[in-house]
N, C-alpha and C. Protein backbone atom coordinates (compact mmCIF):
# COMPACT_ATOMS: atom_id res chain seq x y z
N MET A 1 -7.51 -86.51 -4.20
CA MET A 1 -6.51 -86.28 -3.18
C MET A 1 -5.55 -85.20 -3.66
N VAL A 2 -5.11 -84.39 -2.73
CA VAL A 2 -4.14 -83.34 -3.00
C VAL A 2 -2.79 -83.80 -2.48
N LYS A 3 -1.78 -83.64 -3.30
CA LYS A 3 -0.42 -83.95 -2.86
C LYS A 3 0.29 -82.64 -2.60
N LEU A 4 0.83 -82.53 -1.41
CA LEU A 4 1.55 -81.33 -1.01
C LEU A 4 3.03 -81.67 -0.97
N GLU A 5 3.78 -81.04 -1.85
CA GLU A 5 5.21 -81.28 -1.91
C GLU A 5 5.93 -80.03 -1.43
N ILE A 6 6.84 -80.23 -0.52
CA ILE A 6 7.63 -79.13 0.02
C ILE A 6 9.06 -79.30 -0.44
N LYS A 7 9.57 -78.27 -1.07
CA LYS A 7 10.95 -78.30 -1.54
C LYS A 7 11.71 -77.18 -0.86
N ALA A 8 12.97 -77.44 -0.58
CA ALA A 8 13.81 -76.43 0.05
C ALA A 8 15.24 -76.58 -0.45
N ASP A 9 15.95 -75.48 -0.47
CA ASP A 9 17.34 -75.48 -0.91
C ASP A 9 18.30 -75.88 0.21
N ASN A 10 17.79 -75.98 1.42
CA ASN A 10 18.68 -76.32 2.53
C ASN A 10 18.26 -77.64 3.18
N LYS A 11 18.99 -78.03 4.19
CA LYS A 11 18.74 -79.32 4.85
C LYS A 11 17.61 -79.25 5.87
N ASP A 12 16.97 -78.12 5.98
CA ASP A 12 15.94 -77.90 6.99
C ASP A 12 14.55 -78.35 6.51
N ILE A 13 14.50 -79.09 5.44
CA ILE A 13 13.22 -79.46 4.84
C ILE A 13 12.32 -80.25 5.79
N GLU A 14 12.90 -81.15 6.58
CA GLU A 14 12.08 -81.97 7.48
C GLU A 14 11.40 -81.11 8.54
N SER A 15 12.12 -80.12 9.07
CA SER A 15 11.49 -79.26 10.08
C SER A 15 10.41 -78.38 9.45
N VAL A 16 10.62 -77.95 8.22
CA VAL A 16 9.60 -77.17 7.52
C VAL A 16 8.38 -78.04 7.24
N LYS A 17 8.62 -79.28 6.81
CA LYS A 17 7.52 -80.21 6.55
C LYS A 17 6.71 -80.44 7.82
N LYS A 18 7.38 -80.66 8.94
CA LYS A 18 6.70 -80.86 10.23
C LYS A 18 5.90 -79.62 10.62
N LEU A 19 6.48 -78.45 10.38
CA LEU A 19 5.81 -77.21 10.71
C LEU A 19 4.51 -77.06 9.90
N VAL A 20 4.57 -77.37 8.61
CA VAL A 20 3.38 -77.28 7.75
C VAL A 20 2.33 -78.31 8.19
N GLU A 21 2.76 -79.53 8.45
CA GLU A 21 1.83 -80.57 8.91
C GLU A 21 1.17 -80.17 10.24
N THR A 22 1.95 -79.62 11.15
CA THR A 22 1.42 -79.18 12.44
C THR A 22 0.39 -78.07 12.26
N ALA A 23 0.68 -77.13 11.39
CA ALA A 23 -0.25 -76.02 11.13
C ALA A 23 -1.56 -76.55 10.53
N ILE A 24 -1.45 -77.47 9.59
CA ILE A 24 -2.65 -78.03 8.97
C ILE A 24 -3.44 -78.86 9.99
N ASN A 25 -2.74 -79.64 10.79
CA ASN A 25 -3.44 -80.42 11.82
C ASN A 25 -4.12 -79.53 12.85
N SER A 26 -3.50 -78.41 13.16
CA SER A 26 -4.11 -77.44 14.08
C SER A 26 -5.39 -76.88 13.47
N GLU A 27 -5.35 -76.57 12.20
CA GLU A 27 -6.54 -76.05 11.52
C GLU A 27 -7.64 -77.11 11.47
N ILE A 28 -7.26 -78.35 11.27
CA ILE A 28 -8.25 -79.45 11.28
C ILE A 28 -8.94 -79.51 12.64
N LYS A 29 -8.18 -79.40 13.71
CA LYS A 29 -8.77 -79.43 15.06
C LYS A 29 -9.69 -78.24 15.28
N ASN A 30 -9.30 -77.07 14.80
CA ASN A 30 -10.17 -75.89 14.92
C ASN A 30 -11.47 -76.09 14.15
N LEU A 31 -11.37 -76.62 12.96
CA LEU A 31 -12.56 -76.88 12.16
C LEU A 31 -13.46 -77.91 12.83
N GLN A 32 -12.87 -78.94 13.42
CA GLN A 32 -13.65 -79.96 14.12
C GLN A 32 -14.38 -79.38 15.32
N ARG A 33 -13.72 -78.49 16.05
CA ARG A 33 -14.38 -77.82 17.19
C ARG A 33 -15.54 -76.96 16.70
N SER A 34 -15.32 -76.25 15.62
CA SER A 34 -16.38 -75.41 15.06
C SER A 34 -17.54 -76.26 14.57
N LEU A 35 -17.24 -77.39 13.96
CA LEU A 35 -18.28 -78.29 13.47
C LEU A 35 -19.11 -78.84 14.64
N THR A 36 -18.46 -79.20 15.73
CA THR A 36 -19.18 -79.68 16.91
C THR A 36 -20.13 -78.62 17.44
N LYS A 37 -19.64 -77.38 17.50
CA LYS A 37 -20.47 -76.27 17.99
C LYS A 37 -21.66 -76.05 17.05
N THR A 38 -21.42 -76.07 15.76
CA THR A 38 -22.49 -75.87 14.79
C THR A 38 -23.52 -77.00 14.86
N GLU A 39 -23.04 -78.22 15.00
CA GLU A 39 -23.96 -79.36 15.10
C GLU A 39 -24.82 -79.28 16.35
N LYS A 40 -24.28 -78.76 17.43
CA LYS A 40 -25.06 -78.58 18.66
C LYS A 40 -26.18 -77.56 18.45
N ILE A 41 -25.86 -76.47 17.78
CA ILE A 41 -26.87 -75.45 17.49
C ILE A 41 -27.96 -76.03 16.59
N LEU A 42 -27.55 -76.78 15.58
CA LEU A 42 -28.53 -77.40 14.68
C LEU A 42 -29.41 -78.39 15.44
N GLU A 43 -28.81 -79.15 16.33
CA GLU A 43 -29.59 -80.11 17.12
C GLU A 43 -30.63 -79.40 17.98
N GLU A 44 -30.28 -78.25 18.52
CA GLU A 44 -31.24 -77.49 19.32
C GLU A 44 -32.44 -77.06 18.48
N PHE A 45 -32.20 -76.61 17.26
CA PHE A 45 -33.30 -76.27 16.37
C PHE A 45 -34.14 -77.50 16.03
N GLU A 46 -33.46 -78.59 15.74
CA GLU A 46 -34.16 -79.81 15.34
C GLU A 46 -35.03 -80.35 16.47
N VAL A 47 -34.54 -80.28 17.70
CA VAL A 47 -35.34 -80.73 18.85
C VAL A 47 -36.51 -79.78 19.06
N LYS A 48 -36.24 -78.50 19.00
CA LYS A 48 -37.30 -77.50 19.23
C LYS A 48 -38.44 -77.67 18.24
N TYR A 49 -38.13 -77.91 16.98
CA TYR A 49 -39.16 -77.99 15.94
C TYR A 49 -39.47 -79.43 15.50
N LYS A 50 -38.84 -80.39 16.18
CA LYS A 50 -39.09 -81.81 15.92
C LYS A 50 -38.99 -82.16 14.43
N THR A 51 -37.91 -81.70 13.83
CA THR A 51 -37.65 -81.99 12.41
C THR A 51 -36.15 -81.96 12.16
N THR A 52 -35.75 -82.49 11.03
CA THR A 52 -34.34 -82.45 10.66
C THR A 52 -34.03 -81.14 9.94
N SER A 53 -32.77 -80.83 9.89
CA SER A 53 -32.36 -79.63 9.15
C SER A 53 -32.65 -79.78 7.66
N GLU A 54 -32.55 -81.00 7.15
CA GLU A 54 -32.84 -81.25 5.73
C GLU A 54 -34.30 -80.93 5.42
N LEU A 55 -35.21 -81.38 6.30
CA LEU A 55 -36.63 -81.08 6.09
C LEU A 55 -36.92 -79.60 6.29
N PHE A 56 -36.21 -78.99 7.23
CA PHE A 56 -36.36 -77.54 7.43
C PHE A 56 -36.08 -76.79 6.12
N LEU A 57 -35.01 -77.17 5.44
CA LEU A 57 -34.63 -76.47 4.20
C LEU A 57 -35.71 -76.56 3.14
N THR A 58 -36.39 -77.69 3.08
CA THR A 58 -37.38 -77.89 2.01
C THR A 58 -38.80 -77.54 2.40
N ASN A 59 -39.11 -77.56 3.70
CA ASN A 59 -40.52 -77.42 4.10
C ASN A 59 -40.87 -76.20 4.93
N TYR A 60 -39.89 -75.46 5.41
CA TYR A 60 -40.18 -74.38 6.35
C TYR A 60 -39.93 -73.00 5.74
N THR A 61 -40.71 -72.06 6.24
CA THR A 61 -40.49 -70.65 5.92
C THR A 61 -40.32 -69.91 7.25
N ALA A 62 -39.93 -68.66 7.19
CA ALA A 62 -39.74 -67.88 8.41
C ALA A 62 -41.03 -67.80 9.23
N GLU A 63 -42.17 -67.81 8.55
CA GLU A 63 -43.45 -67.72 9.24
C GLU A 63 -43.76 -68.96 10.07
N ASP A 64 -43.08 -70.07 9.78
CA ASP A 64 -43.29 -71.32 10.51
C ASP A 64 -42.54 -71.37 11.84
N LEU A 65 -41.63 -70.45 12.04
CA LEU A 65 -40.77 -70.47 13.22
C LEU A 65 -41.20 -69.42 14.24
N GLN A 66 -41.06 -69.77 15.52
CA GLN A 66 -41.43 -68.83 16.58
C GLN A 66 -40.62 -67.54 16.50
N GLY A 67 -39.36 -67.67 16.14
CA GLY A 67 -38.47 -66.51 16.07
C GLY A 67 -38.51 -65.78 14.74
N GLY A 68 -39.36 -66.21 13.83
CA GLY A 68 -39.52 -65.55 12.55
C GLY A 68 -38.26 -65.51 11.71
N ASP A 69 -38.08 -64.38 11.04
CA ASP A 69 -36.94 -64.22 10.12
C ASP A 69 -35.59 -64.46 10.79
N GLU A 70 -35.42 -63.94 11.99
CA GLU A 70 -34.13 -64.05 12.68
C GLU A 70 -33.77 -65.52 12.92
N GLU A 71 -34.72 -66.29 13.40
CA GLU A 71 -34.46 -67.70 13.67
C GLU A 71 -34.27 -68.49 12.38
N TYR A 72 -35.03 -68.14 11.36
CA TYR A 72 -34.90 -68.81 10.06
C TYR A 72 -33.50 -68.58 9.50
N ILE A 73 -33.04 -67.34 9.53
CA ILE A 73 -31.72 -67.00 9.00
C ILE A 73 -30.62 -67.69 9.80
N GLN A 74 -30.80 -67.75 11.12
CA GLN A 74 -29.77 -68.41 11.95
C GLN A 74 -29.70 -69.90 11.63
N TRP A 75 -30.85 -70.56 11.55
CA TRP A 75 -30.86 -72.00 11.26
C TRP A 75 -30.27 -72.27 9.88
N PHE A 76 -30.73 -71.51 8.90
CA PHE A 76 -30.24 -71.66 7.54
C PHE A 76 -28.72 -71.41 7.48
N GLY A 77 -28.29 -70.36 8.17
CA GLY A 77 -26.86 -70.02 8.20
C GLY A 77 -26.02 -71.11 8.83
N GLU A 78 -26.50 -71.70 9.90
CA GLU A 78 -25.75 -72.79 10.56
C GLU A 78 -25.64 -74.00 9.64
N ILE A 79 -26.66 -74.27 8.87
CA ILE A 79 -26.60 -75.38 7.90
C ILE A 79 -25.51 -75.11 6.88
N LYS A 80 -25.47 -73.91 6.36
CA LYS A 80 -24.45 -73.54 5.37
C LYS A 80 -23.05 -73.55 5.97
N ILE A 81 -22.93 -73.10 7.20
CA ILE A 81 -21.63 -73.14 7.88
C ILE A 81 -21.18 -74.59 8.02
N LYS A 82 -22.09 -75.48 8.41
CA LYS A 82 -21.75 -76.89 8.55
C LYS A 82 -21.24 -77.46 7.22
N GLU A 83 -21.91 -77.13 6.13
CA GLU A 83 -21.49 -77.62 4.82
C GLU A 83 -20.08 -77.15 4.49
N LYS A 84 -19.78 -75.88 4.75
CA LYS A 84 -18.45 -75.34 4.46
C LYS A 84 -17.38 -75.96 5.36
N LEU A 85 -17.71 -76.16 6.62
CA LEU A 85 -16.76 -76.78 7.54
C LEU A 85 -16.42 -78.20 7.11
N ILE A 86 -17.44 -78.95 6.74
CA ILE A 86 -17.22 -80.34 6.29
C ILE A 86 -16.37 -80.36 5.03
N SER A 87 -16.66 -79.47 4.11
CA SER A 87 -15.88 -79.39 2.87
C SER A 87 -14.41 -79.07 3.15
N SER A 88 -14.18 -78.09 4.01
CA SER A 88 -12.81 -77.71 4.35
C SER A 88 -12.09 -78.84 5.07
N LEU A 89 -12.77 -79.49 5.99
CA LEU A 89 -12.18 -80.62 6.70
C LEU A 89 -11.77 -81.73 5.75
N GLN A 90 -12.65 -82.07 4.85
CA GLN A 90 -12.35 -83.14 3.90
C GLN A 90 -11.13 -82.81 3.06
N LYS A 91 -11.04 -81.58 2.61
CA LYS A 91 -9.89 -81.17 1.80
C LYS A 91 -8.59 -81.28 2.58
N LEU A 92 -8.60 -80.78 3.81
CA LEU A 92 -7.38 -80.83 4.60
C LEU A 92 -7.02 -82.25 5.03
N GLN A 93 -8.01 -83.05 5.36
CA GLN A 93 -7.74 -84.41 5.80
C GLN A 93 -7.26 -85.31 4.65
N ASN A 94 -7.50 -84.92 3.43
CA ASN A 94 -7.09 -85.72 2.29
C ASN A 94 -5.75 -85.30 1.68
N ILE A 95 -5.07 -84.39 2.35
CA ILE A 95 -3.75 -83.97 1.86
C ILE A 95 -2.75 -85.10 2.07
N GLU A 96 -2.00 -85.37 1.03
CA GLU A 96 -0.91 -86.34 1.13
C GLU A 96 0.39 -85.56 1.08
N TYR A 97 1.24 -85.78 2.05
CA TYR A 97 2.52 -85.09 2.11
C TYR A 97 3.57 -85.94 1.39
N VAL A 98 4.25 -85.32 0.44
CA VAL A 98 5.31 -86.03 -0.28
C VAL A 98 6.61 -85.25 -0.15
N SER A 99 7.71 -85.97 -0.14
CA SER A 99 9.02 -85.30 0.00
C SER A 99 9.75 -85.38 -1.32
């Protein structure tokens, strides 16, 4: 867990704390929207090829896909994007605010 401590020389610390929390919560919502979009794209690939993304990573090559290299790169890229989004979400959601 990450502890985020905000210090200020004036009495405005609570409004600054709220501002930081609001900004982080906004970013969490943006990441969640992006994750939903990425998961939808991955689901489309999984339905089309009747396999999971995990099996795709270990068992498929570009030659196995109708779209060849372009489709392979897109599917692979969406998997990596999903991993990064989840990692970022977890980090932000685990922030503890301390005064």
